[in-house]
Amino acid sequence: MEGANLKNTIKVERAKKNITQAELALQVGVSRKTINTIETGRFVPTTVTALRIARALGVSVEDIFSLEED
């Protein structure tokens, strides 16, 4: 899958729930910096972390993460 980028809407979903990166990180069990690097696309989360983020935000993984082809 060369050329595919993982896009996400974590920041949008956090805004809808009015929670900070730190609050989401606490719920997911990771650092705030990890949430930041996932949000900005510098880090691809593990499946477990992606599922935990989705659960914490009350949406499906597919609602947050998508592949964008170059």
PDB file of N, CA and C in Angstrom:
ATOM      1  N   MET A   1       0.827  -1.196   0.000  1.00  0.00           N
ATOM      2  CA  MET A   1       0.000   0.000   0.000  1.00  0.00           C
ATOM      3  C   MET A   1       0.864   1.250   0.000  1.00  0.00           C
ATOM      4  N   GLU A   2       1.867   1.246  -0.814  1.00  0.00           N
ATOM      5  CA  GLU A   2       2.739   2.402  -0.938  1.00  0.00           C
ATOM      6  C   GLU A   2       1.915   3.624  -1.321  1.00  0.00           C
ATOM      7  N   GLY A   3       2.190   4.751  -0.687  1.00  0.00           N
ATOM      8  CA  GLY A   3       1.505   5.973  -1.038  1.00  0.00           C
ATOM      9  C   GLY A   3       0.211   6.230  -0.280  1.00  0.00           C
ATOM     10  N   ALA A   4      -0.153   5.344   0.641  1.00  0.00           N
ATOM     11  CA  ALA A   4      -1.380   5.545   1.416  1.00  0.00           C
ATOM     12  C   ALA A   4      -1.037   6.224   2.741  1.00  0.00           C
ATOM     13  N   ASN A   5      -1.826   7.212   3.092  1.00  0.00           N
ATOM     14  CA  ASN A   5      -1.643   7.923   4.354  1.00  0.00           C
ATOM     15  C   ASN A   5      -2.864   7.706   5.236  1.00  0.00           C
ATOM     16  N   LEU A   6      -2.616   7.533   6.526  1.00  0.00           N
ATOM     17  CA  LEU A   6      -3.720   7.379   7.468  1.00  0.00           C
ATOM     18  C   LEU A   6      -4.166   8.756   7.925  1.00  0.00           C
ATOM     19  N   LYS A   7      -5.393   9.109   7.618  1.00  0.00           N
ATOM     20  CA  LYS A   7      -5.968  10.376   8.038  1.00  0.00           C
ATOM     21  C   LYS A   7      -6.865  10.120   9.247  1.00  0.00           C
ATOM     22  N   ASN A   8      -7.064  11.153  10.067  1.00  0.00           N
ATOM     23  CA  ASN A   8      -7.958  10.970  11.210  1.00  0.00           C
ATOM     24  C   ASN A   8      -8.693  12.258  11.553  1.00  0.00           C
ATOM     25  N   THR A   9      -9.786  12.082  12.281  1.00  0.00           N
ATOM     26  CA  THR A   9     -10.618  13.216  12.705  1.00  0.00           C
ATOM     27  C   THR A   9     -10.686  13.287  14.232  1.00  0.00           C
ATOM     28  N   ILE A  10      -9.619  12.868  14.878  1.00  0.00           N
ATOM     29  CA  ILE A  10      -9.610  12.856  16.351  1.00  0.00           C
ATOM     30  C   ILE A  10      -9.858  14.255  16.907  1.00  0.00           C
ATOM     31  N   LYS A  11      -9.185  15.252  16.342  1.00  0.00           N
ATOM     32  CA  LYS A  11      -9.334  16.619  16.845  1.00  0.00           C
ATOM     33  C   LYS A  11     -10.790  17.076  16.753  1.00  0.00           C
ATOM     34  N   VAL A  12     -11.451  16.765  15.647  1.00  0.00           N
ATOM     35  CA  VAL A  12     -12.858  17.133  15.459  1.00  0.00           C
ATOM     36  C   VAL A  12     -13.737  16.426  16.484  1.00  0.00           C
ATOM     37  N   GLU A  13     -13.503  15.129  16.654  1.00  0.00           N
ATOM     38  CA  GLU A  13     -14.310  14.358  17.608  1.00  0.00           C
ATOM     39  C   GLU A  13     -14.066  14.831  19.042  1.00  0.00           C
ATOM     40  N   ARG A  14     -12.832  15.181  19.367  1.00  0.00           N
ATOM     41  CA  ARG A  14     -12.532  15.719  20.706  1.00  0.00           C
ATOM     42  C   ARG A  14     -13.286  17.021  20.935  1.00  0.00           C
ATOM     43  N   ALA A  15     -13.312  17.872  19.898  1.00  0.00           N
ATOM     44  CA  ALA A  15     -14.005  19.157  20.013  1.00  0.00           C
ATOM     45  C   ALA A  15     -15.506  18.950  20.252  1.00  0.00           C
ATOM     46  N   LYS A  16     -16.085  17.971  19.568  1.00  0.00           N
ATOM     47  CA  LYS A  16     -17.510  17.669  19.769  1.00  0.00           C
ATOM     48  C   LYS A  16     -17.793  17.266  21.207  1.00  0.00           C
ATOM     49  N   LYS A  17     -16.850  16.542  21.825  1.00  0.00           N
ATOM     50  CA  LYS A  17     -17.014  16.071  23.201  1.00  0.00           C
ATOM     51  C   LYS A  17     -16.460  17.076  24.217  1.00  0.00           C
ATOM     52  N   ASN A  18     -15.810  18.134  23.699  1.00  0.00           N
ATOM     53  CA  ASN A  18     -15.201  19.155  24.551  1.00  0.00           C
ATOM     54  C   ASN A  18     -14.192  18.561  25.537  1.00  0.00           C
ATOM     55  N   ILE A  19     -13.289  17.700  24.999  1.00  0.00           N
ATOM     56  CA  ILE A  19     -12.233  17.141  25.844  1.00  0.00           C
ATOM     57  C   ILE A  19     -10.865  17.475  25.260  1.00  0.00           C
ATOM     58  N   THR A  20      -9.905  17.612  26.137  1.00  0.00           N
ATOM     59  CA  THR A  20      -8.543  17.953  25.735  1.00  0.00           C
ATOM     60  C   THR A  20      -7.770  16.698  25.324  1.00  0.00           C
ATOM     61  N   GLN A  21      -6.612  16.929  24.712  1.00  0.00           N
ATOM     62  CA  GLN A  21      -5.726  15.807  24.390  1.00  0.00           C
ATOM     63  C   GLN A  21      -5.353  15.059  25.672  1.00  0.00           C
ATOM     64  N   ALA A  22      -5.090  15.803  26.736  1.00  0.00           N
ATOM     65  CA  ALA A  22      -4.693  15.175  28.005  1.00  0.00           C
ATOM     66  C   ALA A  22      -5.809  14.303  28.564  1.00  0.00           C
ATOM     67  N   GLU A  23      -7.045  14.780  28.484  1.00  0.00           N
ATOM     68  CA  GLU A  23      -8.179  13.998  28.982  1.00  0.00           C
ATOM     69  C   GLU A  23      -8.382  12.733  28.157  1.00  0.00           C
ATOM     70  N   LEU A  24      -8.265  12.852  26.835  1.00  0.00           N
ATOM     71  CA  LEU A  24      -8.388  11.678  25.975  1.00  0.00           C
ATOM     72  C   LEU A  24      -7.263  10.692  26.257  1.00  0.00           C
ATOM     73  N   ALA A  25      -6.057  11.207  26.408  1.00  0.00           N
ATOM     74  CA  ALA A  25      -4.906  10.351  26.698  1.00  0.00           C
ATOM     75  C   ALA A  25      -5.119   9.553  27.978  1.00  0.00           C
ATOM     76  N   LEU A  26      -5.652  10.197  28.994  1.00  0.00           N
ATOM     77  CA  LEU A  26      -5.919   9.532  30.264  1.00  0.00           C
ATOM     78  C   LEU A  26      -6.926   8.396  30.079  1.00  0.00           C
ATOM     79  N   GLN A  27      -7.975   8.644  29.304  1.00  0.00           N
ATOM     80  CA  GLN A  27      -8.989   7.621  29.056  1.00  0.00           C
ATOM     81  C   GLN A  27      -8.437   6.456  28.237  1.00  0.00           C
ATOM     82  N   VAL A  28      -7.533   6.755  27.313  1.00  0.00           N
ATOM     83  CA  VAL A  28      -6.990   5.741  26.406  1.00  0.00           C
ATOM     84  C   VAL A  28      -5.828   4.985  27.048  1.00  0.00           C
ATOM     85  N   GLY A  29      -5.135   5.635  27.988  1.00  0.00           N
ATOM     86  CA  GLY A  29      -3.988   4.999  28.644  1.00  0.00           C
ATOM     87  C   GLY A  29      -2.678   5.249  27.929  1.00  0.00           C
ATOM     88  N   VAL A  30      -2.581   6.409  27.268  1.00  0.00           N
ATOM     89  CA  VAL A  30      -1.345   6.807  26.603  1.00  0.00           C
ATOM     90  C   VAL A  30      -1.005   8.225  27.047  1.00  0.00           C
ATOM     91  N   SER A  31       0.130   8.739  26.569  1.00  0.00           N
ATOM     92  CA  SER A  31       0.514  10.104  26.928  1.00  0.00           C
ATOM     93  C   SER A  31      -0.205  11.119  26.043  1.00  0.00           C
ATOM     94  N   ARG A  32      -0.241  12.363  26.500  1.00  0.00           N
ATOM     95  CA  ARG A  32      -0.823  13.435  25.698  1.00  0.00           C
ATOM     96  C   ARG A  32      -0.042  13.597  24.406  1.00  0.00           C
ATOM     97  N   LYS A  33       1.272  13.443  24.494  1.00  0.00           N
ATOM     98  CA  LYS A  33       2.120  13.565  23.306  1.00  0.00           C
ATOM     99  C   LYS A  33       1.769  12.492  22.269  1.00  0.00           C
ATOM    100  N   THR A  34       1.431  11.300  22.725  1.00  0.00           N
ATOM    101  CA  THR A  34       1.029  10.242  21.795  1.00  0.00           C
ATOM    102  C   THR A  34      -0.238  10.646  21.054  1.00  0.00           C
ATOM    103  N   ILE A  35      -1.225  11.176  21.775  1.00  0.00           N
ATOM    104  CA  ILE A  35      -2.458  11.639  21.131  1.00  0.00           C
ATOM    105  C   ILE A  35      -2.125  12.724  20.119  1.00  0.00           C
ATOM    106  N   ASN A  36      -1.241  13.655  20.493  1.00  0.00           N
ATOM    107  CA  ASN A  36      -0.852  14.737  19.596  1.00  0.00           C
ATOM    108  C   ASN A  36      -0.198  14.199  18.325  1.00  0.00           C
ATOM    109  N   THR A  37       0.719  13.250  18.451  1.00  0.00           N
ATOM    110  CA  THR A  37       1.413  12.740  17.267  1.00  0.00           C
ATOM    111  C   THR A  37       0.486  11.914  16.374  1.00  0.00           C
ATOM    112  N   ILE A  38      -0.512  11.265  16.962  1.00  0.00           N
ATOM    113  CA  ILE A  38      -1.509  10.549  16.155  1.00  0.00           C
ATOM    114  C   ILE A  38      -2.386  11.563  15.427  1.00  0.00           C
ATOM    115  N   GLU A  39      -2.858  12.575  16.139  1.00  0.00           N
ATOM    116  CA  GLU A  39      -3.722  13.610  15.541  1.00  0.00           C
ATOM    117  C   GLU A  39      -3.060  14.284  14.355  1.00  0.00           C
ATOM    118  N   THR A  40      -1.777  14.569  14.476  1.00  0.00           N
ATOM    119  CA  THR A  40      -1.070  15.302  13.429  1.00  0.00           C
ATOM    120  C   THR A  40      -0.540  14.389  12.322  1.00  0.00           C
ATOM    121  N   GLY A  41      -0.757  13.084  12.458  1.00  0.00           N
ATOM    122  CA  GLY A  41      -0.355  12.154  11.417  1.00  0.00           C
ATOM    123  C   GLY A  41       1.101  11.743  11.427  1.00  0.00           C
ATOM    124  N   ARG A  42       1.820  12.094  12.489  1.00  0.00           N
ATOM    125  CA  ARG A  42       3.233  11.712  12.579  1.00  0.00           C
ATOM    126  C   ARG A  42       3.419  10.303  13.118  1.00  0.00           C
ATOM    127  N   PHE A  43       2.364   9.729  13.684  1.00  0.00           N
ATOM    128  CA  PHE A  43       2.442   8.392  14.284  1.00  0.00           C
ATOM    129  C   PHE A  43       1.166   7.631  13.967  1.00  0.00           C
ATOM    130  N   VAL A  44       1.330   6.387  13.546  1.00  0.00           N
ATOM    131  CA  VAL A  44       0.183   5.518  13.272  1.00  0.00           C
ATOM    132  C   VAL A  44      -0.064   4.667  14.516  1.00  0.00           C
ATOM    133  N   PRO A  45      -1.252   4.754  15.100  1.00  0.00           N
ATOM    134  CA  PRO A  45      -1.506   4.011  16.344  1.00  0.00           C
ATOM    135  C   PRO A  45      -1.630   2.510  16.103  1.00  0.00           C
ATOM    136  N   THR A  46      -1.394   1.759  17.155  1.00  0.00           N
ATOM    137  CA  THR A  46      -1.654   0.324  17.094  1.00  0.00           C
ATOM    138  C   THR A  46      -3.164   0.125  16.980  1.00  0.00           C
ATOM    139  N   THR A  47      -3.549  -1.060  16.599  1.00  0.00           N
ATOM    140  CA  THR A  47      -4.972  -1.377  16.511  1.00  0.00           C
ATOM    141  C   THR A  47      -5.648  -1.194  17.858  1.00  0.00           C
ATOM    142  N   VAL A  48      -4.998  -1.649  18.911  1.00  0.00           N
ATOM    143  CA  VAL A  48      -5.570  -1.534  20.256  1.00  0.00           C
ATOM    144  C   VAL A  48      -5.770  -0.067  20.630  1.00  0.00           C
ATOM    145  N   THR A  49      -4.775   0.757  20.367  1.00  0.00           N
ATOM    146  CA  THR A  49      -4.894   2.177  20.692  1.00  0.00           C
ATOM    147  C   THR A  49      -5.993   2.836  19.865  1.00  0.00           C
ATOM    148  N   ALA A  50      -6.080   2.500  18.587  1.00  0.00           N
ATOM    149  CA  ALA A  50      -7.136   3.050  17.732  1.00  0.00           C
ATOM    150  C   ALA A  50      -8.513   2.664  18.264  1.00  0.00           C
ATOM    151  N   LEU A  51      -8.665   1.415  18.685  1.00  0.00           N
ATOM    152  CA  LEU A  51      -9.942   0.968  19.244  1.00  0.00           C
ATOM    153  C   LEU A  51     -10.263   1.696  20.545  1.00  0.00           C
ATOM    154  N   ARG A  52      -9.261   1.907  21.371  1.00  0.00           N
ATOM    155  CA  ARG A  52      -9.478   2.623  22.634  1.00  0.00           C
ATOM    156  C   ARG A  52      -9.855   4.083  22.396  1.00  0.00           C
ATOM    157  N   ILE A  53      -9.226   4.714  21.409  1.00  0.00           N
ATOM    158  CA  ILE A  53      -9.566   6.098  21.067  1.00  0.00           C
ATOM    159  C   ILE A  53     -11.016   6.167  20.606  1.00  0.00           C
ATOM    160  N   ALA A  54     -11.392   5.260  19.720  1.00  0.00           N
ATOM    161  CA  ALA A  54     -12.761   5.245  19.212  1.00  0.00           C
ATOM    162  C   ALA A  54     -13.761   5.037  20.342  1.00  0.00           C
ATOM    163  N   ARG A  55     -13.469   4.114  21.225  1.00  0.00           N
ATOM    164  CA  ARG A  55     -14.366   3.842  22.355  1.00  0.00           C
ATOM    165  C   ARG A  55     -14.489   5.078  23.241  1.00  0.00           C
ATOM    166  N   ALA A  56     -13.361   5.718  23.538  1.00  0.00           N
ATOM    167  CA  ALA A  56     -13.379   6.905  24.404  1.00  0.00           C
ATOM    168  C   ALA A  56     -14.183   8.043  23.781  1.00  0.00           C
ATOM    169  N   LEU A  57     -14.169   8.122  22.449  1.00  0.00           N
ATOM    170  CA  LEU A  57     -14.893   9.190  21.762  1.00  0.00           C
ATOM    171  C   LEU A  57     -16.315   8.792  21.392  1.00  0.00           C
ATOM    172  N   GLY A  58     -16.661   7.528  21.621  1.00  0.00           N
ATOM    173  CA  GLY A  58     -18.016   7.063  21.367  1.00  0.00           C
ATOM    174  C   GLY A  58     -18.365   6.924  19.894  1.00  0.00           C
ATOM    175  N   VAL A  59     -17.356   6.623  19.075  1.00  0.00           N
ATOM    176  CA  VAL A  59     -17.563   6.445  17.632  1.00  0.00           C
ATOM    177  C   VAL A  59     -16.847   5.180  17.181  1.00  0.00           C
ATOM    178  N   SER A  60     -17.059   4.787  15.921  1.00  0.00           N
ATOM    179  CA  SER A  60     -16.358   3.620  15.392  1.00  0.00           C
ATOM    180  C   SER A  60     -14.976   4.024  14.887  1.00  0.00           C
ATOM    181  N   VAL A  61     -14.093   3.058  14.770  1.00  0.00           N
ATOM    182  CA  VAL A  61     -12.746   3.311  14.255  1.00  0.00           C
ATOM    183  C   VAL A  61     -12.844   3.927  12.855  1.00  0.00           C
ATOM    184  N   GLU A  62     -13.773   3.423  12.057  1.00  0.00           N
ATOM    185  CA  GLU A  62     -13.944   3.929  10.694  1.00  0.00           C
ATOM    186  C   GLU A  62     -14.413   5.382  10.662  1.00  0.00           C
ATOM    187  N   ASP A  63     -15.084   5.831  11.727  1.00  0.00           N
ATOM    188  CA  ASP A  63     -15.505   7.223  11.806  1.00  0.00           C
ATOM    189  C   ASP A  63     -14.319   8.153  12.052  1.00  0.00           C
ATOM    190  N   ILE A  64     -13.244   7.613  12.621  1.00  0.00           N
ATOM    191  CA  ILE A  64     -12.082   8.432  12.963  1.00  0.00           C
ATOM    192  C   ILE A  64     -10.953   8.288  11.946  1.00  0.00           C
ATOM    193  N   PHE A  65     -10.648   7.065  11.565  1.00  0.00           N
ATOM    194  CA  PHE A  65      -9.496   6.796  10.718  1.00  0.00           C
ATOM    195  C   PHE A  65      -9.907   6.406   9.298  1.00  0.00           C
ATOM    196  N   SER A  66      -9.171   6.908   8.329  1.00  0.00           N
ATOM    197  CA  SER A  66      -9.397   6.529   6.935  1.00  0.00           C
ATOM    198  C   SER A  66      -8.076   6.586   6.178  1.00  0.00           C
ATOM    199  N   LEU A  67      -8.007   5.829   5.085  1.00  0.00           N
ATOM    200  CA  LEU A  67      -6.831   5.847   4.230  1.00  0.00           C
ATOM    201  C   LEU A  67      -7.013   6.860   3.123  1.00  0.00           C
ATOM    202  N   GLU A  68      -5.994   7.660   2.912  1.00  0.00           N
ATOM    203  CA  GLU A  68      -6.007   8.621   1.804  1.00  0.00           C
ATOM    204  C   GLU A  68      -4.915   8.212   0.850  1.00  0.00           C
ATOM    205  N   GLU A  69      -5.302   7.887  -0.360  1.00  0.00           N
ATOM    206  CA  GLU A  69      -4.334   7.477  -1.376  1.00  0.00           C
ATOM    207  C   GLU A  69      -3.678   8.705  -1.989  1.00  0.00           C
ATOM    208  N   ASP A  70      -2.366   8.591  -2.268  1.00  0.00           N
ATOM    209  CA  ASP A  70      -1.659   9.691  -2.935  1.00  0.00           C
ATOM    210  C   ASP A  70      -2.022   9.770  -4.388  1.00  0.00           C
TER     211      ASP A  70
END
